[in-house]
Structures are given as C-alpha cells and as structure tokens.
C-alpha cells in the first residue's frame, strides 16, 4: 500500500487543497492499515492489458533484439547494445541503437551499418527509407556510440536493423527492433468495482488507460455529494496499487487497481471514487511536450451509502 497526500475542503472553497500530511497518513496506516475490510462483491481488475498496441509488432517477422541489461561478447570484446527511444512514441522521435564498451577496454574499430524501413503486416519486407554507416573509434574508456534515425510523427510501423562487423568485414552480430508511431490520444477511465460499500471499507476502482500516453499516479480519494458539489471526504485518503513491476505508472493500454478509503464516520449519502494523475513521456525528443500537459482528473460512477 502506498500512502499519499490528503485532500481537504477549506471553508467555502470548493477546490482541493493538497496538504503534505505524513503524521496524519501514518496514523491512518496504523489505524486502518491492518484492518482491510472489503465490500462483499469485490469486483475484478485482472486484465493488465486492455489495448495491446504492440499487437501489430508481434505479428511481424521476428528480429533478434539486444538483450536488456546484459553485456555481449562480440569478437572477444564486451559491449552493451541498447535501444534508444520508446518503441511506441507519440509524435516525432529519434530511434536506433546505442553501444557502450567497458571502461577498461579499448574501443575496437568496428563497422556499423543500419537501415530504416517502413513496414506493415501485409508488407513485412517494407520500403527502405534511409541507411547509416558508422566506424567506431579506438579510444580508451567508456565511450557510447549511437546509430540513430529521426522518425517522423506520421503514424506507421518502422523496422531498424543494425549490423556489426570488424575491421576485416567479418560479421559479429545483427540486431533489429520495431517502432510503432501512434497518434496522440488521452482517454483514461475509472470504473467502480464491487459494492454496495459501507463506512470503514476500501472503495476499489479499475483505472483503464486506453490512450497512448502514460500516466503517473498522484492520488486516489473518496468524494461526497453535498448539494450540487462534490467534496473530498475529510480524512487522509490512501490508495493502493496492486500492480507487479509497474509501481506508480499507468502505461498505455494497461489497467490497474486503485482504492480510496471510506472512513467509519461517513454518513448516509452519495459518494464516488476520484483519481488524479499526470501525463508523462516515455520517449525522447519532441515527445517531451507531453510532460507539460495538465493533470488528468477522473471520477467513477456514484454509489449510495445507506444509514444505520
């Protein structure tokens, strides 16, 4: 469980005031953390992927990808081969490969050749768009070498391949990767799970990011309808993210569970679950404009809490 900030309505101000409340949050954890009552019908949010944007890439011919976080031995030289850029960019980006040699080794004189093709499932061979050649320099120390291409913002699928040869022309390795450029889309939803809910229970919701922009978790809380306005419940809300390996990030096409606490003193009325998060870029270059987008605020369908 992750404890975050709490939201309080101040006087007649209908906005939310974000207050860092470590002490209050700690008390909430001690009081409510060990007792995790759930609604009778818990609901499910089991699908990690609601939209598989990689499906067209998975349907294309297999290419040998560079192993992640591992060094390769090519021609008795240890080198790390990594991808540059995000494989599902929104807009223009720079894509290719990066080579990093060990600090204590001497960078060999290698010949690197790369090509960029626009491909499709119907035409996997694709159209050749550009080629690049690079000769690595013999230097001491860790010196990364990059072989990249500028990728336009036009939605399409691209294949980048790189061949490594030694000074004699002997091939040492060949690697490839696919990149799918997606049109901008921001369409997350918050779906209420389970119910009916009673005071002292956690209210569960399923966040579904059907857009192509990643979202960073901010907080989840419960709101109560007072007249014609929704106001946060005045108690340190907490949220829990039941996701393996992703942490506080809602990736494009993924779904994740989030929760807000309905305090024991919540009276009868109409409530809903609310969530806020911030868009952020996963790629490089011009996709950084995504980081300046305003926060996303979501709310679930309302639910009723009956009296005693």
C-alpha atoms as a PDB file:
ATOM      1  CA  UNK A   1       0.000   0.000   0.000  1.00  0.00           C
ATOM      2  CA  UNK A   2       1.213   3.479  -0.844  1.00  0.00           C
ATOM      3  CA  UNK A   3       0.172   6.376   1.366  1.00  0.00           C
ATOM      4  CA  UNK A   4      -0.184   9.697  -0.378  1.00  0.00           C
ATOM      5  CA  UNK A   5      -1.330  13.231   0.438  1.00  0.00           C
ATOM      6  CA  UNK A   6      -4.847  14.000   1.618  1.00  0.00           C
ATOM      7  CA  UNK A   7      -7.403  16.400   0.215  1.00  0.00           C
ATOM      8  CA  UNK A   8      -9.426  18.776   2.370  1.00  0.00           C
ATOM      9  CA  UNK A   9     -12.183  21.224   1.531  1.00  0.00           C
ATOM     10  CA  UNK A  10     -11.284  24.573   3.130  1.00  0.00           C
ATOM     11  CA  UNK A  11     -14.218  26.763   4.171  1.00  0.00           C
ATOM     12  CA  UNK A  12     -16.309  27.676   1.157  1.00  0.00           C
ATOM     13  CA  UNK A  13     -13.551  26.823  -1.271  1.00  0.00           C
ATOM     14  CA  UNK A  14     -14.795  24.019  -3.442  1.00  0.00           C
ATOM     15  CA  UNK A  15     -11.322  23.256  -4.795  1.00  0.00           C
ATOM     16  CA  UNK A  16      -8.954  20.694  -3.346  1.00  0.00           C
ATOM     17  CA  UNK A  17      -6.096  21.759  -1.108  1.00  0.00           C
ATOM     18  CA  UNK A  18      -3.208  19.349  -1.278  1.00  0.00           C
ATOM     19  CA  UNK A  19      -1.502  19.086   2.108  1.00  0.00           C
ATOM     20  CA  UNK A  20       1.571  17.019   2.916  1.00  0.00           C
ATOM     21  CA  UNK A  21       0.438  15.125   5.997  1.00  0.00           C
ATOM     22  CA  UNK A  22       2.977  12.483   6.891  1.00  0.00           C
ATOM     23  CA  UNK A  23       1.848  12.326  10.540  1.00  0.00           C
ATOM     24  CA  UNK A  24      -1.828  12.028   9.674  1.00  0.00           C
ATOM     25  CA  UNK A  25      -1.089   9.469   6.980  1.00  0.00           C
ATOM     26  CA  UNK A  26       0.964   7.437   9.450  1.00  0.00           C
ATOM     27  CA  UNK A  27      -1.925   7.423  11.911  1.00  0.00           C
ATOM     28  CA  UNK A  28      -4.256   6.325   9.134  1.00  0.00           C
ATOM     29  CA  UNK A  29      -1.934   3.453   8.296  1.00  0.00           C
ATOM     30  CA  UNK A  30      -1.694   2.365  11.933  1.00  0.00           C
ATOM     31  CA  UNK A  31      -5.430   2.612  12.497  1.00  0.00           C
ATOM     32  CA  UNK A  32      -6.762   1.317   9.192  1.00  0.00           C
ATOM     33  CA  UNK A  33      -3.804  -0.384   7.522  1.00  0.00           C
ATOM     34  CA  UNK A  34      -4.113  -3.665   9.386  1.00  0.00           C
ATOM     35  CA  UNK A  35      -7.894  -3.837   9.011  1.00  0.00           C
ATOM     36  CA  UNK A  36      -8.682  -4.080   5.309  1.00  0.00           C
ATOM     37  CA  UNK A  37     -12.466  -4.672   5.138  1.00  0.00           C
ATOM     38  CA  UNK A  38     -13.730  -5.074   1.585  1.00  0.00           C
ATOM     39  CA  UNK A  39     -17.155  -4.893   0.059  1.00  0.00           C
ATOM     40  CA  UNK A  40     -18.949  -8.219  -0.276  1.00  0.00           C
ATOM     41  CA  UNK A  41     -18.662  -8.147  -4.078  1.00  0.00           C
ATOM     42  CA  UNK A  42     -15.069  -7.101  -4.627  1.00  0.00           C
ATOM     43  CA  UNK A  43     -15.158  -6.892  -8.421  1.00  0.00           C
ATOM     44  CA  UNK A  44     -12.116  -7.528 -10.579  1.00  0.00           C
ATOM     45  CA  UNK A  45      -9.433  -5.577 -12.394  1.00  0.00           C
ATOM     46  CA  UNK A  46      -7.340  -8.511 -13.549  1.00  0.00           C
ATOM     47  CA  UNK A  47      -6.553  -7.535 -17.128  1.00  0.00           C
ATOM     48  CA  UNK A  48      -3.131  -5.953 -17.254  1.00  0.00           C
ATOM     49  CA  UNK A  49      -3.645  -5.015 -20.902  1.00  0.00           C
ATOM     50  CA  UNK A  50      -6.917  -3.566 -22.185  1.00  0.00           C
ATOM     51  CA  UNK A  51      -5.493  -2.364 -25.526  1.00  0.00           C
ATOM     52  CA  UNK A  52      -2.470  -4.172 -26.964  1.00  0.00           C
ATOM     53  CA  UNK A  53      -0.688  -1.504 -29.009  1.00  0.00           C
ATOM     54  CA  UNK A  54       2.154  -3.966 -29.611  1.00  0.00           C
ATOM     55  CA  UNK A  55      -0.093  -6.492 -31.372  1.00  0.00           C
ATOM     56  CA  UNK A  56       0.899  -5.391 -34.918  1.00  0.00           C
ATOM     57  CA  UNK A  57       4.578  -5.560 -33.914  1.00  0.00           C
ATOM     58  CA  UNK A  58       4.123  -9.071 -32.555  1.00  0.00           C
ATOM     59  CA  UNK A  59       2.601 -10.141 -35.884  1.00  0.00           C
ATOM     60  CA  UNK A  60       5.708  -9.099 -37.855  1.00  0.00           C
ATOM     61  CA  UNK A  61       8.691 -11.396 -38.562  1.00  0.00           C
ATOM     62  CA  UNK A  62      10.946 -11.945 -35.574  1.00  0.00           C
ATOM     63  CA  UNK A  63      14.130  -9.906 -35.319  1.00  0.00           C
ATOM     64  CA  UNK A  64      16.989 -10.514 -32.924  1.00  0.00           C
ATOM     65  CA  UNK A  65      16.789  -7.873 -30.218  1.00  0.00           C
ATOM     66  CA  UNK A  66      19.636  -6.818 -27.994  1.00  0.00           C
ATOM     67  CA  UNK A  67      19.352  -8.369 -24.513  1.00  0.00           C
ATOM     68  CA  UNK A  68      18.344  -5.907 -21.818  1.00  0.00           C
ATOM     69  CA  UNK A  69      20.869  -5.063 -19.099  1.00  0.00           C
ATOM     70  CA  UNK A  70      23.396  -7.598 -20.349  1.00  0.00           C
ATOM     71  CA  UNK A  71      26.791  -7.317 -21.974  1.00  0.00           C
ATOM     72  CA  UNK A  72      27.519  -9.233 -25.115  1.00  0.00           C
ATOM     73  CA  UNK A  73      30.834 -10.664 -26.211  1.00  0.00           C
ATOM     74  CA  UNK A  74      31.392  -9.881 -29.875  1.00  0.00           C
ATOM     75  CA  UNK A  75      34.774 -10.668 -31.321  1.00  0.00           C
ATOM     76  CA  UNK A  76      36.216 -11.084 -27.795  1.00  0.00           C
ATOM     77  CA  UNK A  77      35.034  -7.561 -26.934  1.00  0.00           C
ATOM     78  CA  UNK A  78      32.417  -6.957 -24.251  1.00  0.00           C
ATOM     79  CA  UNK A  79      29.790  -4.423 -25.277  1.00  0.00           C
ATOM     80  CA  UNK A  80      26.314  -3.413 -24.184  1.00  0.00           C
ATOM     81  CA  UNK A  81      23.845  -2.896 -27.037  1.00  0.00           C
ATOM     82  CA  UNK A  82      20.713  -0.949 -26.076  1.00  0.00           C
ATOM     83  CA  UNK A  83      17.765   0.657 -27.806  1.00  0.00           C
ATOM     84  CA  UNK A  84      17.329   4.429 -27.889  1.00  0.00           C
ATOM     85  CA  UNK A  85      13.839   5.851 -27.741  1.00  0.00           C
ATOM     86  CA  UNK A  86      10.487   4.324 -26.807  1.00  0.00           C
ATOM     87  CA  UNK A  87       9.032   1.720 -29.145  1.00  0.00           C
ATOM     88  CA  UNK A  88       5.524   3.271 -29.055  1.00  0.00           C
ATOM     89  CA  UNK A  89       6.216   7.000 -29.441  1.00  0.00           C
ATOM     90  CA  UNK A  90       3.564   9.673 -29.861  1.00  0.00           C
ATOM     91  CA  UNK A  91       4.854  12.107 -32.429  1.00  0.00           C
ATOM     92  CA  UNK A  92       8.365  12.521 -33.805  1.00  0.00           C
ATOM     93  CA  UNK A  93      11.305  10.861 -32.068  1.00  0.00           C
ATOM     94  CA  UNK A  94      14.857   9.616 -32.507  1.00  0.00           C
ATOM     95  CA  UNK A  95      15.237   5.832 -32.644  1.00  0.00           C
ATOM     96  CA  UNK A  96      18.107   3.417 -33.046  1.00  0.00           C
ATOM     97  CA  UNK A  97      20.834   1.715 -31.044  1.00  0.00           C
ATOM     98  CA  UNK A  98      23.488   2.674 -28.534  1.00  0.00           C
ATOM     99  CA  UNK A  99      26.724   0.733 -27.922  1.00  0.00           C
ATOM    100  CA  UNK A 100      28.694   1.102 -24.685  1.00  0.00           C
ATOM    101  CA  UNK A 101      32.064  -0.573 -24.149  1.00  0.00           C
ATOM    102  CA  UNK A 102      33.681  -1.469 -20.847  1.00  0.00           C
ATOM    103  CA  UNK A 103      35.711   1.278 -19.216  1.00  0.00           C
ATOM    104  CA  UNK A 104      38.892  -0.756 -19.013  1.00  0.00           C
ATOM    105  CA  UNK A 105      38.720  -1.966 -22.598  1.00  0.00           C
ATOM    106  CA  UNK A 106      39.845  -0.339 -25.809  1.00  0.00           C
ATOM    107  CA  UNK A 107      37.038   0.521 -28.191  1.00  0.00           C
ATOM    108  CA  UNK A 108      37.577  -1.632 -31.284  1.00  0.00           C
ATOM    109  CA  UNK A 109      37.426  -0.404 -34.837  1.00  0.00           C
ATOM    110  CA  UNK A 110      34.053  -1.724 -35.884  1.00  0.00           C
ATOM    111  CA  UNK A 111      31.932  -1.007 -38.935  1.00  0.00           C
ATOM    112  CA  UNK A 112      28.279  -0.360 -38.063  1.00  0.00           C
ATOM    113  CA  UNK A 113      25.616  -0.343 -40.767  1.00  0.00           C
ATOM    114  CA  UNK A 114      21.953   0.409 -40.094  1.00  0.00           C
ATOM    115  CA  UNK A 115      18.832   0.743 -42.189  1.00  0.00           C
ATOM    116  CA  UNK A 116      15.375   2.148 -41.582  1.00  0.00           C
ATOM    117  CA  UNK A 117      12.317   0.655 -43.290  1.00  0.00           C
ATOM    118  CA  UNK A 118       8.607   1.409 -43.106  1.00  0.00           C
ATOM    119  CA  UNK A 119       6.842  -1.942 -42.806  1.00  0.00           C
ATOM    120  CA  UNK A 120       3.400  -3.415 -42.276  1.00  0.00           C
ATOM    121  CA  UNK A 121       1.867  -6.801 -41.547  1.00  0.00           C
ATOM    122  CA  UNK A 122       0.785  -7.020 -45.195  1.00  0.00           C
ATOM    123  CA  UNK A 123       4.229  -5.982 -46.487  1.00  0.00           C
ATOM    124  CA  UNK A 124       6.812  -7.082 -43.880  1.00  0.00           C
ATOM    125  CA  UNK A 125       9.771  -6.505 -46.215  1.00  0.00           C
ATOM    126  CA  UNK A 126       8.869  -2.839 -46.219  1.00  0.00           C
ATOM    127  CA  UNK A 127      10.194   0.223 -48.017  1.00  0.00           C
ATOM    128  CA  UNK A 128      13.769   1.328 -47.444  1.00  0.00           C
ATOM    129  CA  UNK A 129      13.785   4.902 -46.148  1.00  0.00           C
ATOM    130  CA  UNK A 130      17.360   5.543 -45.017  1.00  0.00           C
ATOM    131  CA  UNK A 131      20.733   3.948 -44.268  1.00  0.00           C
ATOM    132  CA  UNK A 132      23.566   4.961 -41.987  1.00  0.00           C
ATOM    133  CA  UNK A 133      27.188   3.915 -41.558  1.00  0.00           C
ATOM    134  CA  UNK A 134      29.473   4.499 -38.602  1.00  0.00           C
ATOM    135  CA  UNK A 135      33.059   3.472 -37.866  1.00  0.00           C
ATOM    136  CA  UNK A 136      33.804   3.256 -34.163  1.00  0.00           C
ATOM    137  CA  UNK A 137      36.949   4.999 -32.949  1.00  0.00           C
ATOM    138  CA  UNK A 138      39.712   3.320 -30.987  1.00  0.00           C
ATOM    139  CA  UNK A 139      39.710   5.111 -27.651  1.00  0.00           C
ATOM    140  CA  UNK A 140      40.301   4.201 -24.010  1.00  0.00           C
ATOM    141  CA  UNK A 141      37.462   4.436 -21.531  1.00  0.00           C
ATOM    142  CA  UNK A 142      33.705   4.019 -21.825  1.00  0.00           C
ATOM    143  CA  UNK A 143      32.515   5.821 -24.901  1.00  0.00           C
ATOM    144  CA  UNK A 144      28.969   5.215 -26.113  1.00  0.00           C
ATOM    145  CA  UNK A 145      28.392   5.117 -29.846  1.00  0.00           C
ATOM    146  CA  UNK A 146      24.934   5.798 -31.267  1.00  0.00           C
ATOM    147  CA  UNK A 147      23.436   4.915 -34.601  1.00  0.00           C
ATOM    148  CA  UNK A 148      20.008   6.536 -34.839  1.00  0.00           C
ATOM    149  CA  UNK A 149      17.396   7.817 -37.261  1.00  0.00           C
ATOM    150  CA  UNK A 150      14.888  10.655 -36.930  1.00  0.00           C
ATOM    151  CA  UNK A 151      11.374   9.200 -37.044  1.00  0.00           C
ATOM    152  CA  UNK A 152       8.551  11.427 -38.276  1.00  0.00           C
ATOM    153  CA  UNK A 153       5.264  11.888 -36.426  1.00  0.00           C
ATOM    154  CA  UNK A 154       3.296  10.134 -39.165  1.00  0.00           C
ATOM    155  CA  UNK A 155       1.575   7.040 -37.684  1.00  0.00           C
ATOM    156  CA  UNK A 156       3.328   3.986 -39.117  1.00  0.00           C
ATOM    157  CA  UNK A 157       5.454   0.971 -38.194  1.00  0.00           C
ATOM    158  CA  UNK A 158       9.212   1.032 -38.752  1.00  0.00           C
ATOM    159  CA  UNK A 159      11.960  -1.573 -38.555  1.00  0.00           C
ATOM    160  CA  UNK A 160      15.524  -0.621 -37.686  1.00  0.00           C
ATOM    161  CA  UNK A 161      18.325  -3.148 -38.189  1.00  0.00           C
ATOM    162  CA  UNK A 162      21.994  -2.798 -37.355  1.00  0.00           C
ATOM    163  CA  UNK A 163      24.884  -4.991 -38.496  1.00  0.00           C
ATOM    164  CA  UNK A 164      28.227  -5.009 -36.656  1.00  0.00           C
ATOM    165  CA  UNK A 165      31.380  -6.103 -38.500  1.00  0.00           C
ATOM    166  CA  UNK A 166      35.052  -5.980 -37.547  1.00  0.00           C
ATOM    167  CA  UNK A 167      37.758  -4.151 -39.486  1.00  0.00           C
ATOM    168  CA  UNK A 168      38.153  -7.184 -41.787  1.00  0.00           C
ATOM    169  CA  UNK A 169      34.471  -7.173 -42.702  1.00  0.00           C
ATOM    170  CA  UNK A 170      33.613 -10.250 -40.612  1.00  0.00           C
ATOM    171  CA  UNK A 171      30.079 -10.004 -39.238  1.00  0.00           C
ATOM    172  CA  UNK A 172      29.955 -10.036 -35.441  1.00  0.00           C
ATOM    173  CA  UNK A 173      26.274  -9.504 -34.860  1.00  0.00           C
ATOM    174  CA  UNK A 174      22.993  -8.273 -36.278  1.00  0.00           C
ATOM    175  CA  UNK A 175      20.174  -6.736 -34.256  1.00  0.00           C
ATOM    176  CA  UNK A 176      16.751  -5.367 -35.065  1.00  0.00           C
ATOM    177  CA  UNK A 177      13.751  -3.667 -33.499  1.00  0.00           C
ATOM    178  CA  UNK A 178      10.336  -2.333 -34.422  1.00  0.00           C
ATOM    179  CA  UNK A 179       8.890   1.092 -33.667  1.00  0.00           C
ATOM    180  CA  UNK A 180       5.212   1.956 -33.945  1.00  0.00           C
ATOM    181  CA  UNK A 181       4.342   5.672 -34.103  1.00  0.00           C
ATOM    182  CA  UNK A 182       0.890   6.291 -32.637  1.00  0.00           C
ATOM    183  CA  UNK A 183      -1.413   9.301 -32.999  1.00  0.00           C
ATOM    184  CA  UNK A 184      -1.909  11.268 -29.802  1.00  0.00           C
ATOM    185  CA  UNK A 185      -4.746  10.047 -27.620  1.00  0.00           C
ATOM    186  CA  UNK A 186      -5.537  10.582 -23.932  1.00  0.00           C
ATOM    187  CA  UNK A 187      -8.562   8.546 -22.819  1.00  0.00           C
ATOM    188  CA  UNK A 188      -8.283   7.016 -19.330  1.00  0.00           C
ATOM    189  CA  UNK A 189     -11.369   5.911 -17.403  1.00  0.00           C
ATOM    190  CA  UNK A 190     -12.079   4.972 -13.785  1.00  0.00           C
ATOM    191  CA  UNK A 191     -14.525   2.106 -13.307  1.00  0.00           C
ATOM    192  CA  UNK A 192     -16.081   1.423  -9.898  1.00  0.00           C
ATOM    193  CA  UNK A 193     -15.694  -2.148  -8.663  1.00  0.00           C
ATOM    194  CA  UNK A 194     -17.820  -4.102  -6.241  1.00  0.00           C
ATOM    195  CA  UNK A 195     -20.361  -2.620  -3.877  1.00  0.00           C
ATOM    196  CA  UNK A 196     -22.500  -1.879  -2.039  1.00  0.00           C
ATOM    197  CA  UNK A 197     -19.941  -0.050   0.097  1.00  0.00           C
ATOM    198  CA  UNK A 198     -20.234   0.658   3.799  1.00  0.00           C
ATOM    199  CA  UNK A 199     -18.322   3.038   6.064  1.00  0.00           C
ATOM    200  CA  UNK A 200     -14.934   1.643   7.092  1.00  0.00           C
ATOM    201  CA  UNK A 201     -14.326  -0.153   3.785  1.00  0.00           C
ATOM    202  CA  UNK A 202     -11.964   0.421   0.896  1.00  0.00           C
ATOM    203  CA  UNK A 203     -13.616   1.547  -2.315  1.00  0.00           C
ATOM    204  CA  UNK A 204     -11.989  -0.164  -5.293  1.00  0.00           C
ATOM    205  CA  UNK A 205     -11.747   1.183  -8.808  1.00  0.00           C
ATOM    206  CA  UNK A 206     -10.176  -0.024 -12.035  1.00  0.00           C
ATOM    207  CA  UNK A 207      -8.125   2.503 -13.981  1.00  0.00           C
ATOM    208  CA  UNK A 208      -8.090   1.753 -17.703  1.00  0.00           C
ATOM    209  CA  UNK A 209      -5.706   3.692 -19.912  1.00  0.00           C
ATOM    210  CA  UNK A 210      -6.967   3.172 -23.441  1.00  0.00           C
ATOM    211  CA  UNK A 211      -4.943   6.114 -24.700  1.00  0.00           C
ATOM    212  CA  UNK A 212      -1.328   6.135 -25.858  1.00  0.00           C
ATOM    213  CA  UNK A 213       0.091   8.423 -23.149  1.00  0.00           C
ATOM    214  CA  UNK A 214       1.498   7.083 -19.884  1.00  0.00           C
ATOM    215  CA  UNK A 215       0.066   8.475 -16.640  1.00  0.00           C
ATOM    216  CA  UNK A 216       1.854   8.906 -13.325  1.00  0.00           C
ATOM    217  CA  UNK A 217      -0.227   8.251 -10.198  1.00  0.00           C
ATOM    218  CA  UNK A 218      -0.904  11.226  -7.944  1.00  0.00           C
ATOM    219  CA  UNK A 219      -3.651  10.192  -5.529  1.00  0.00           C
ATOM    220  CA  UNK A 220      -6.994   8.456  -5.094  1.00  0.00           C
ATOM    221  CA  UNK A 221      -9.705   9.557  -2.694  1.00  0.00           C
ATOM    222  CA  UNK A 222     -13.447   9.401  -1.998  1.00  0.00           C
ATOM    223  CA  UNK A 223     -15.797  12.340  -2.599  1.00  0.00           C
ATOM    224  CA  UNK A 224     -19.279  13.051  -1.214  1.00  0.00           C
ATOM    225  CA  UNK A 225     -22.056  14.939  -2.992  1.00  0.00           C
ATOM    226  CA  UNK A 226     -23.085  17.982  -0.959  1.00  0.00           C
ATOM    227  CA  UNK A 227     -25.887  19.817  -2.697  1.00  0.00           C
ATOM    228  CA  UNK A 228     -24.675  20.170  -6.263  1.00  0.00           C
ATOM    229  CA  UNK A 229     -20.947  19.965  -5.473  1.00  0.00           C
ATOM    230  CA  UNK A 230     -18.574  17.062  -4.904  1.00  0.00           C
ATOM    231  CA  UNK A 231     -16.296  17.478  -1.891  1.00  0.00           C
ATOM    232  CA  UNK A 232     -13.455  15.231  -0.692  1.00  0.00           C
ATOM    233  CA  UNK A 233     -14.185  13.207   2.413  1.00  0.00           C
ATOM    234  CA  UNK A 234     -12.261  14.873   5.235  1.00  0.00           C
ATOM    235  CA  UNK A 235      -9.887  12.119   6.283  1.00  0.00           C
ATOM    236  CA  UNK A 236      -6.441  11.204   4.999  1.00  0.00           C
ATOM    237  CA  UNK A 237      -7.356   9.113   1.909  1.00  0.00           C
ATOM    238  CA  UNK A 238      -4.949   6.390   0.929  1.00  0.00           C
ATOM    239  CA  UNK A 239      -4.541   4.490  -2.261  1.00  0.00           C
ATOM    240  CA  UNK A 240      -3.232   1.057  -3.038  1.00  0.00           C
ATOM    241  CA  UNK A 241      -1.775  -0.019  -6.382  1.00  0.00           C
ATOM    242  CA  UNK A 242      -1.913  -3.755  -6.929  1.00  0.00           C
ATOM    243  CA  UNK A 243       0.454  -3.978  -9.874  1.00  0.00           C
ATOM    244  CA  UNK A 244       3.586  -6.083 -10.231  1.00  0.00           C
ATOM    245  CA  UNK A 245       6.687  -4.338 -11.528  1.00  0.00           C
ATOM    246  CA  UNK A 246       4.996  -1.151 -12.696  1.00  0.00           C
ATOM    247  CA  UNK A 247       4.898   0.854  -9.464  1.00  0.00           C
ATOM    248  CA  UNK A 248       3.048   4.149  -9.730  1.00  0.00           C
ATOM    249  CA  UNK A 249       2.806   4.262 -13.519  1.00  0.00           C
ATOM    250  CA  UNK A 250      -0.219   3.543 -15.693  1.00  0.00           C
ATOM    251  CA  UNK A 251       1.231   2.553 -19.056  1.00  0.00           C
ATOM    252  CA  UNK A 252      -0.630   2.977 -22.351  1.00  0.00           C
ATOM    253  CA  UNK A 253      -3.173   0.218 -22.901  1.00  0.00           C
ATOM    254  CA  UNK A 254      -2.917  -1.062 -19.323  1.00  0.00           C
ATOM    255  CA  UNK A 255      -5.360  -1.383 -16.445  1.00  0.00           C
ATOM    256  CA  UNK A 256      -4.531  -1.123 -12.755  1.00  0.00           C
ATOM    257  CA  UNK A 257      -6.360  -1.336  -9.444  1.00  0.00           C
ATOM    258  CA  UNK A 258      -6.604   1.711  -7.194  1.00  0.00           C
ATOM    259  CA  UNK A 259      -8.503   2.316  -3.937  1.00  0.00           C
ATOM    260  CA  UNK A 260      -9.773   5.112  -1.698  1.00  0.00           C
ATOM    261  CA  UNK A 261     -10.812   4.758   1.928  1.00  0.00           C
ATOM    262  CA  UNK A 262     -14.401   5.388   3.065  1.00  0.00           C
ATOM    263  CA  UNK A 263     -13.999   6.343   6.753  1.00  0.00           C
ATOM    264  CA  UNK A 264     -16.126   4.800   9.510  1.00  0.00           C
ATOM    265  CA  UNK A 265     -17.779   8.151  10.235  1.00  0.00           C
ATOM    266  CA  UNK A 266     -19.054   8.570   6.653  1.00  0.00           C
ATOM    267  CA  UNK A 267     -22.748   9.361   6.880  1.00  0.00           C
ATOM    268  CA  UNK A 268     -25.537   8.392   4.520  1.00  0.00           C
ATOM    269  CA  UNK A 269     -25.316   9.999   1.101  1.00  0.00           C
ATOM    270  CA  UNK A 270     -23.978   9.805  -2.438  1.00  0.00           C
ATOM    271  CA  UNK A 271     -20.273   9.130  -2.921  1.00  0.00           C
ATOM    272  CA  UNK A 272     -17.832   8.473  -5.741  1.00  0.00           C
ATOM    273  CA  UNK A 273     -14.193   7.494  -6.204  1.00  0.00           C
ATOM    274  CA  UNK A 274     -11.831  10.121  -7.643  1.00  0.00           C
ATOM    275  CA  UNK A 275      -8.301   9.900  -9.032  1.00  0.00           C
ATOM    276  CA  UNK A 276      -5.734  12.290 -10.433  1.00  0.00           C
ATOM    277  CA  UNK A 277      -2.537  11.656 -12.380  1.00  0.00           C
ATOM    278  CA  UNK A 278      -0.056  13.427 -14.629  1.00  0.00           C
ATOM    279  CA  UNK A 279       0.754  12.599 -18.272  1.00  0.00           C
ATOM    280  CA  UNK A 280       4.441  11.997 -18.954  1.00  0.00           C
ATOM    281  CA  UNK A 281       6.545  10.957 -21.911  1.00  0.00           C
ATOM    282  CA  UNK A 282       8.328   7.634 -22.222  1.00  0.00           C
ATOM    283  CA  UNK A 283      10.405   8.601 -25.239  1.00  0.00           C
ATOM    284  CA  UNK A 284      12.931  11.201 -26.247  1.00  0.00           C
ATOM    285  CA  UNK A 285      12.976  14.404 -28.232  1.00  0.00           C
ATOM    286  CA  UNK A 286       9.796  16.168 -29.214  1.00  0.00           C
ATOM    287  CA  UNK A 287       7.572  13.851 -27.155  1.00  0.00           C
ATOM    288  CA  UNK A 288       8.676  15.842 -24.088  1.00  0.00           C
ATOM    289  CA  UNK A 289       5.775  18.240 -24.725  1.00  0.00           C
ATOM    290  CA  UNK A 290       3.579  15.597 -23.128  1.00  0.00           C
ATOM    291  CA  UNK A 291       5.187  16.378 -19.751  1.00  0.00           C
ATOM    292  CA  UNK A 292       3.656  19.875 -19.848  1.00  0.00           C
ATOM    293  CA  UNK A 293       0.064  18.666 -20.240  1.00  0.00           C
ATOM    294  CA  UNK A 294      -2.256  19.461 -17.315  1.00  0.00           C
ATOM    295  CA  UNK A 295      -3.102  16.766 -14.742  1.00  0.00           C
ATOM    296  CA  UNK A 296      -5.876  14.310 -15.543  1.00  0.00           C
ATOM    297  CA  UNK A 297      -8.795  14.078 -13.097  1.00  0.00           C
ATOM    298  CA  UNK A 298     -11.174  11.132 -13.207  1.00  0.00           C
ATOM    299  CA  UNK A 299     -14.242  10.122 -11.243  1.00  0.00           C
ATOM    300  CA  UNK A 300     -16.177   6.888 -11.068  1.00  0.00           C
ATOM    301  CA  UNK A 301     -19.912   6.315 -11.131  1.00  0.00           C
ATOM    302  CA  UNK A 302     -21.599   7.331  -7.888  1.00  0.00           C
ATOM    303  CA  UNK A 303     -22.722   4.924  -5.180  1.00  0.00           C
ATOM    304  CA  UNK A 304     -25.042   5.268  -2.225  1.00  0.00           C
ATOM    305  CA  UNK A 305     -24.215   4.757   1.445  1.00  0.00           C
ATOM    306  CA  UNK A 306     -27.274   3.920   3.500  1.00  0.00           C
ATOM    307  CA  UNK A 307     -27.921   4.964   7.064  1.00  0.00           C
ATOM    308  CA  UNK A 308     -27.554   2.659  10.073  1.00  0.00           C
END
